[in-house]
C-alpha atoms as a PDB file:
ATOM      1  CA  MET A   1      38.761 101.875  78.984  1.00  0.00           C
ATOM      2  CA  HIS A   2      37.852  98.168  77.280  1.00  0.00           C
ATOM      3  CA  LYS A   3      34.168  97.316  75.393  1.00  0.00           C
ATOM      4  CA  LYS A   4      33.288  94.343  73.569  1.00  0.00           C
ATOM      5  CA  ILE A   5      30.549  94.694  71.066  1.00  0.00           C
ATOM      6  CA  GLU A   6      29.196  91.619  69.291  1.00  0.00           C
ATOM      7  CA  LEU A   7      28.483  92.241  65.863  1.00  0.00           C
ATOM      8  CA  ASN A   8      25.762  90.274  63.836  1.00  0.00           C
ATOM      9  CA  SER A   9      27.404  87.476  61.903  1.00  0.00           C
ATOM     10  CA  LYS A  10      25.811  84.337  60.706  1.00  0.00           C
ATOM     11  CA  ARG A  11      28.571  81.669  61.514  1.00  0.00           C
ATOM     12  CA  ASN A  12      30.933  83.122  63.534  1.00  0.00           C
ATOM     13  CA  LYS A  13      31.066  85.801  66.442  1.00  0.00           C
ATOM     14  CA  VAL A  14      32.814  88.677  66.243  1.00  0.00           C
ATOM     15  CA  MET A  15      33.143  91.090  68.297  1.00  0.00           C
ATOM     16  CA  ARG A  16      33.857  95.387  68.130  1.00  0.00           C
ATOM     17  CA  ILE A  17      36.680  95.952  70.888  1.00  0.00           C
ATOM     18  CA  VAL A  18      36.993  99.738  72.118  1.00  0.00           C
ATOM     19  CA  LYS A  19      40.101 100.481  73.840  1.00  0.00           C
ATOM     20  CA  GLU A  20      41.037 103.997  75.083  1.00  0.00           C
ATOM     21  CA  ASP A  21      44.021 103.332  72.155  1.00  0.00           C
ATOM     22  CA  GLY A  22      41.492 102.860  68.833  1.00  0.00           C
ATOM     23  CA  THR A  23      39.065 100.187  67.980  1.00  0.00           C
ATOM     24  CA  TYR A  24      39.311  96.440  66.240  1.00  0.00           C
ATOM     25  CA  ILE A  25      37.481  93.558  65.461  1.00  0.00           C
ATOM     26  CA  VAL A  26      37.675  89.947  66.647  1.00  0.00           C
ATOM     27  CA  LYS A  27      36.027  87.419  64.521  1.00  0.00           C
ATOM     28  CA  LYS A  28      36.000  84.096  65.815  1.00  0.00           C
ATOM     29  CA  PHE A  29      35.955  81.520  63.174  1.00  0.00           C
ATOM     30  CA  GLU A  30      33.862  78.564  64.259  1.00  0.00           C
ATOM     31  CA  ASN A  31      35.383  75.830  61.092  1.00  0.00           C
ATOM     32  CA  LYS A  32      39.157  75.946  60.776  1.00  0.00           C
ATOM     33  CA  GLU A  33      38.969  75.297  57.317  1.00  0.00           C
ATOM     34  CA  ASN A  34      36.416  78.771  57.166  1.00  0.00           C
ATOM     35  CA  TYR A  35      39.422  80.581  59.086  1.00  0.00           C
ATOM     36  CA  ILE A  36      42.791  79.438  57.177  1.00  0.00           C
ATOM     37  CA  ARG A  37      40.662  80.277  53.494  1.00  0.00           C
ATOM     38  CA  GLU A  38      39.511  83.931  55.356  1.00  0.00           C
ATOM     39  CA  LYS A  39      43.095  84.353  56.234  1.00  0.00           C
ATOM     40  CA  GLU A  40      44.622  83.179  52.565  1.00  0.00           C
ATOM     41  CA  ILE A  41      42.365  85.546  50.612  1.00  0.00           C
ATOM     42  CA  LEU A  42      42.867  88.619  52.333  1.00  0.00           C
ATOM     43  CA  ASN A  43      46.861  87.941  52.550  1.00  0.00           C
ATOM     44  CA  ILE A  44      46.194  87.976  48.769  1.00  0.00           C
ATOM     45  CA  LEU A  45      43.822  90.681  48.385  1.00  0.00           C
ATOM     46  CA  LYS A  46      46.198  92.586  50.350  1.00  0.00           C
ATOM     47  CA  ASN A  47      49.450  92.200  48.772  1.00  0.00           C
ATOM     48  CA  ALA A  48      47.386  92.611  45.388  1.00  0.00           C
ATOM     49  CA  LYS A  49      46.089  96.378  47.014  1.00  0.00           C
ATOM     50  CA  VAL A  50      42.500  95.515  47.061  1.00  0.00           C
ATOM     51  CA  LYS A  51      40.533  97.233  49.479  1.00  0.00           C
ATOM     52  CA  VAL A  52      40.673  95.256  52.422  1.00  0.00           C
ATOM     53  CA  PRO A  53      40.770  95.418  56.373  1.00  0.00           C
ATOM     54  CA  SER A  54      44.179  95.029  57.529  1.00  0.00           C
ATOM     55  CA  ILE A  55      44.868  91.378  59.865  1.00  0.00           C
ATOM     56  CA  ILE A  56      46.921  92.691  63.278  1.00  0.00           C
ATOM     57  CA  LYS A  57      47.321  89.282  64.410  1.00  0.00           C
ATOM     58  CA  SER A  58      45.822  85.803  64.270  1.00  0.00           C
ATOM     59  CA  GLU A  59      45.409  82.900  66.459  1.00  0.00           C
ATOM     60  CA  GLN A  60      43.194  80.029  67.520  1.00  0.00           C
ATOM     61  CA  ASN A  61      40.356  80.407  64.708  1.00  0.00           C
ATOM     62  CA  SER A  62      40.725  84.182  65.108  1.00  0.00           C
ATOM     63  CA  LEU A  63      41.493  87.050  63.192  1.00  0.00           C
ATOM     64  CA  TYR A  64      42.456  91.049  64.963  1.00  0.00           C
ATOM     65  CA  LEU A  65      41.148  92.512  61.711  1.00  0.00           C
ATOM     66  CA  GLU A  66      41.604  96.868  61.275  1.00  0.00           C
ATOM     67  CA  ASP A  67      37.795  98.428  61.846  1.00  0.00           C
ATOM     68  CA  LEU A  68      37.245 100.096  58.776  1.00  0.00           C
ATOM     69  CA  GLY A  69      33.834 101.569  60.991  1.00  0.00           C
ATOM     70  CA  GLY A  70      30.220  99.614  60.597  1.00  0.00           C
ATOM     71  CA  ILE A  71      28.099 101.723  57.529  1.00  0.00           C
ATOM     72  CA  THR A  72      28.156  98.800  55.261  1.00  0.00           C
ATOM     73  CA  PHE A  73      26.986  99.226  51.216  1.00  0.00           C
ATOM     74  CA  LEU A  74      23.737  97.769  52.577  1.00  0.00           C
ATOM     75  CA  ASP A  75      23.647 100.935  54.604  1.00  0.00           C
ATOM     76  CA  TRP A  76      24.580 103.708  52.213  1.00  0.00           C
ATOM     77  CA  TYR A  77      22.402 102.108  49.488  1.00  0.00           C
ATOM     78  CA  GLU A  78      18.762 101.840  51.679  1.00  0.00           C
ATOM     79  CA  GLU A  79      19.875 105.563  53.025  1.00  0.00           C
ATOM     80  CA  SER A  80      20.133 106.946  49.002  1.00  0.00           C
ATOM     81  CA  GLU A  81      16.554 104.959  48.259  1.00  0.00           C
ATOM     82  CA  LYS A  82      15.242 106.707  50.801  1.00  0.00           C
ATOM     83  CA  GLN A  83      16.613 110.294  49.977  1.00  0.00           C
ATOM     84  CA  ASN A  84      15.967 109.107  46.347  1.00  0.00           C
ATOM     85  CA  THR A  85      19.717 109.804  45.789  1.00  0.00           C
ATOM     86  CA  LEU A  86      21.799 107.738  43.274  1.00  0.00           C
ATOM     87  CA  ASP A  87      25.360 108.537  43.607  1.00  0.00           C
ATOM     88  CA  ILE A  88      27.361 106.454  40.690  1.00  0.00           C
ATOM     89  CA  SER A  89      30.910 106.787  42.036  1.00  0.00           C
ATOM     90  CA  MET A  90      29.854 104.623  44.732  1.00  0.00           C
ATOM     91  CA  ILE A  91      28.554 102.125  41.541  1.00  0.00           C
ATOM     92  CA  PHE A  92      31.173 102.651  39.491  1.00  0.00           C
ATOM     93  CA  LYS A  93      33.437 101.522  43.042  1.00  0.00           C
ATOM     94  CA  LEU A  94      31.544  98.980  44.064  1.00  0.00           C
ATOM     95  CA  SER A  95      32.211  97.617  40.312  1.00  0.00           C
ATOM     96  CA  SER A  96      36.066  98.289  40.552  1.00  0.00           C
ATOM     97  CA  TRP A  97      36.750  96.482  43.868  1.00  0.00           C
ATOM     98  CA  ILE A  98      34.350  93.440  42.531  1.00  0.00           C
ATOM     99  CA  LYS A  99      36.749  93.671  39.253  1.00  0.00           C
ATOM    100  CA  SER A 100      39.953  93.700  41.228  1.00  0.00           C
ATOM    101  CA  PHE A 101      39.093  90.738  43.489  1.00  0.00           C
ATOM    102  CA  TYR A 102      38.476  88.524  40.622  1.00  0.00           C
ATOM    103  CA  GLU A 103      41.191  90.090  39.067  1.00  0.00           C
ATOM    104  CA  ALA A 104      43.512  89.382  42.247  1.00  0.00           C
ATOM    105  CA  VAL A 105      42.556  85.982  43.449  1.00  0.00           C
ATOM    106  CA  LEU A 106      42.572  84.527  38.989  1.00  0.00           C
ATOM    107  CA  GLU A 107      46.632  85.325  38.849  1.00  0.00           C
ATOM    108  CA  PHE A 108      47.168  83.783  43.069  1.00  0.00           C
ATOM    109  CA  TYR A 109      45.122  79.983  42.122  1.00  0.00           C
ATOM    110  CA  SER A 110      44.933  80.226  38.424  1.00  0.00           C
ATOM    111  CA  GLU A 111      41.345  79.252  38.261  1.00  0.00           C
ATOM    112  CA  GLN A 112      38.581  81.125  38.950  1.00  0.00           C
ATOM    113  CA  ILE A 113      37.482  82.086  42.313  1.00  0.00           C
ATOM    114  CA  VAL A 114      33.771  83.458  44.012  1.00  0.00           C
ATOM    115  CA  LEU A 115      32.431  85.680  46.137  1.00  0.00           C
ATOM    116  CA  TYR A 116      29.805  83.536  46.444  1.00  0.00           C
ATOM    117  CA  ASP A 117      28.324  84.484  49.637  1.00  0.00           C
ATOM    118  CA  VAL A 118      27.962  88.140  47.964  1.00  0.00           C
ATOM    119  CA  ASN A 119      25.622  90.878  49.297  1.00  0.00           C
ATOM    120  CA  PHE A 120      25.671  94.357  50.271  1.00  0.00           C
ATOM    121  CA  LYS A 121      26.673  93.742  53.783  1.00  0.00           C
ATOM    122  CA  ASN A 122      29.755  92.507  52.708  1.00  0.00           C
ATOM    123  CA  PHE A 123      31.238  95.738  51.440  1.00  0.00           C
ATOM    124  CA  ILE A 124      32.495  98.527  53.407  1.00  0.00           C
ATOM    125  CA  ILE A 125      31.979 102.487  52.949  1.00  0.00           C
ATOM    126  CA  SER A 126      35.138 103.865  54.840  1.00  0.00           C
ATOM    127  CA  ASN A 127      36.592 107.631  53.576  1.00  0.00           C
ATOM    128  CA  GLU A 128      34.709 106.802  50.884  1.00  0.00           C
ATOM    129  CA  GLU A 129      36.132 103.927  49.367  1.00  0.00           C
ATOM    130  CA  ILE A 130      35.324 100.354  49.702  1.00  0.00           C
ATOM    131  CA  TYR A 131      35.907  97.665  51.217  1.00  0.00           C
ATOM    132  CA  GLY A 132      34.943  93.478  50.984  1.00  0.00           C
ATOM    133  CA  ILE A 133      34.781  91.912  53.843  1.00  0.00           C
ATOM    134  CA  ASP A 134      34.286  87.401  55.128  1.00  0.00           C
ATOM    135  CA  PHE A 135      35.819  86.079  52.573  1.00  0.00           C
ATOM    136  CA  GLU A 136      35.431  82.709  54.462  1.00  0.00           C
ATOM    137  CA  GLN A 137      32.512  81.133  51.543  1.00  0.00           C
ATOM    138  CA  THR A 138      35.381  81.945  48.522  1.00  0.00           C
ATOM    139  CA  GLN A 139      35.152  79.044  45.990  1.00  0.00           C
ATOM    140  CA  ALA A 140      35.780  78.102  42.591  1.00  0.00           C
ATOM    141  CA  GLY A 141      32.585  79.381  40.186  1.00  0.00           C
ATOM    142  CA  SER A 142      30.889  81.788  37.731  1.00  0.00           C
ATOM    143  CA  ILE A 143      32.415  85.403  37.716  1.00  0.00           C
ATOM    144  CA  ALA A 144      28.501  85.750  35.756  1.00  0.00           C
ATOM    145  CA  ALA A 145      26.392  83.548  38.442  1.00  0.00           C
ATOM    146  CA  ASP A 146      28.050  85.475  41.487  1.00  0.00           C
ATOM    147  CA  LEU A 147      26.939  89.206  39.718  1.00  0.00           C
ATOM    148  CA  GLY A 148      23.570  87.644  39.233  1.00  0.00           C
ATOM    149  CA  LYS A 149      23.327  86.714  42.680  1.00  0.00           C
ATOM    150  CA  LEU A 150      24.355  90.089  43.268  1.00  0.00           C
ATOM    151  CA  THR A 151      22.355  91.989  41.466  1.00  0.00           C
ATOM    152  CA  ALA A 152      18.939  89.867  42.262  1.00  0.00           C
ATOM    153  CA  PHE A 153      19.804  90.865  46.060  1.00  0.00           C
ATOM    154  CA  ALA A 154      20.188  94.516  44.933  1.00  0.00           C
ATOM    155  CA  LEU A 155      16.236  93.605  43.837  1.00  0.00           C
ATOM    156  CA  THR A 156      14.723  92.225  46.171  1.00  0.00           C
ATOM    157  CA  TYR A 157      16.255  94.434  49.472  1.00  0.00           C
ATOM    158  CA  ASP A 158      12.828  95.051  50.912  1.00  0.00           C
ATOM    159  CA  PRO A 159      11.661  97.182  49.746  1.00  0.00           C
ATOM    160  CA  SER A 160      11.408  95.118  46.934  1.00  0.00           C
ATOM    161  CA  MET A 161      11.388  95.799  42.788  1.00  0.00           C
ATOM    162  CA  THR A 162      10.991  99.075  43.678  1.00  0.00           C
ATOM    163  CA  GLU A 163      11.250 101.833  40.984  1.00  0.00           C
ATOM    164  CA  TRP A 164      14.454 102.792  42.493  1.00  0.00           C
ATOM    165  CA  LYS A 165      15.927  99.439  43.124  1.00  0.00           C
ATOM    166  CA  ILE A 166      15.480  98.551  39.377  1.00  0.00           C
ATOM    167  CA  ASN A 167      16.765 102.025  38.169  1.00  0.00           C
ATOM    168  CA  PHE A 168      19.771 101.259  40.432  1.00  0.00           C
ATOM    169  CA  ARG A 169      19.804  97.461  39.228  1.00  0.00           C
ATOM    170  CA  ASN A 170      19.886  98.704  35.595  1.00  0.00           C
ATOM    171  CA  ILE A 171      22.888 100.770  35.873  1.00  0.00           C
ATOM    172  CA  PHE A 172      24.881  98.365  38.449  1.00  0.00           C
ATOM    173  CA  ILE A 173      24.304  95.602  35.554  1.00  0.00           C
ATOM    174  CA  ASP A 174      25.633  98.543  33.086  1.00  0.00           C
ATOM    175  CA  ILE A 175      28.742  99.147  34.443  1.00  0.00           C
ATOM    176  CA  LEU A 176      29.350  95.327  35.807  1.00  0.00           C
ATOM    177  CA  SER A 177      28.994  94.363  32.084  1.00  0.00           C
ATOM    178  CA  LYS A 178      32.059  96.893  30.979  1.00  0.00           C
ATOM    179  CA  GLU A 179      33.924  96.600  33.702  1.00  0.00           C
ATOM    180  CA  LEU A 180      34.533  92.753  34.408  1.00  0.00           C
ATOM    181  CA  SER A 181      33.328  92.280  29.733  1.00  0.00           C
ATOM    182  CA  ILE A 182      30.289  90.387  30.366  1.00  0.00           C
ATOM    183  CA  LYS A 183      27.963  90.786  27.834  1.00  0.00           C
ATOM    184  CA  THR A 184      24.986  92.048  30.183  1.00  0.00           C
ATOM    185  CA  GLU A 185      22.033  89.496  28.757  1.00  0.00           C
ATOM    186  CA  ILE A 186      24.480  86.623  30.288  1.00  0.00           C
ATOM    187  CA  ILE A 187      24.504  88.372  34.004  1.00  0.00           C
ATOM    188  CA  ILE A 188      20.493  88.945  33.348  1.00  0.00           C
ATOM    189  CA  ALA A 189      20.366  85.190  32.846  1.00  0.00           C
ATOM    190  CA  GLU A 190      21.939  84.582  36.094  1.00  0.00           C
ATOM    191  CA  GLU A 191      20.158  87.321  37.830  1.00  0.00           C
ATOM    192  CA  LYS A 192      16.724  85.608  36.474  1.00  0.00           C
ATOM    193  CA  LYS A 193      17.974  81.935  37.738  1.00  0.00           C
ATOM    194  CA  GLU A 194      18.514  83.933  41.260  1.00  0.00           C
ATOM    195  CA  LEU A 195      15.540  85.230  41.923  1.00  0.00           C
ATOM    196  CA  SER A 196      13.505  81.577  41.233  1.00  0.00           C
ATOM    197  CA  ALA A 197      15.842  80.591  43.971  1.00  0.00           C
ATOM    198  CA  ILE A 198      14.542  83.338  46.191  1.00  0.00           C
END
């Protein structure tokens, strides 16, 4: 058995390959620079022991990646709201992953690199742990702006601005602020800019 399942991607062709001995992901990049950037960041993060999928092999603008499954943080987020539950330990895990990303790239590049394309679909939950994926848009920038984007997205996933989402966002900002030593009002100011842009 050998099956190819196309996965949703705005910028690239991404497939899950299913074989008798297991599954893996193939990500074929339209843009060579994005391929080089993603490969480099994945290697930096893996070396820094930040949770990301392992590269099985790379060739011709394609990365063959460990398959961590299909449950994204967005799936967890939407299901938690439906059930009206909130496992705060997952917010801590996400915040901790974000902190470890910023630390690893700062140490490597000696300048602050941010995720930039930052949304809940780019985090996979596997065995109760959070892994980051999709690093081709990373660039130099402001951590606070990155976080403001992420909390703005948290509020505006459909249905937007619900009581549950506002509660999640308040807890998330509080944890991010403590983890990353950034004042909550700075994150909120960046969030307001992003909400205006949305």
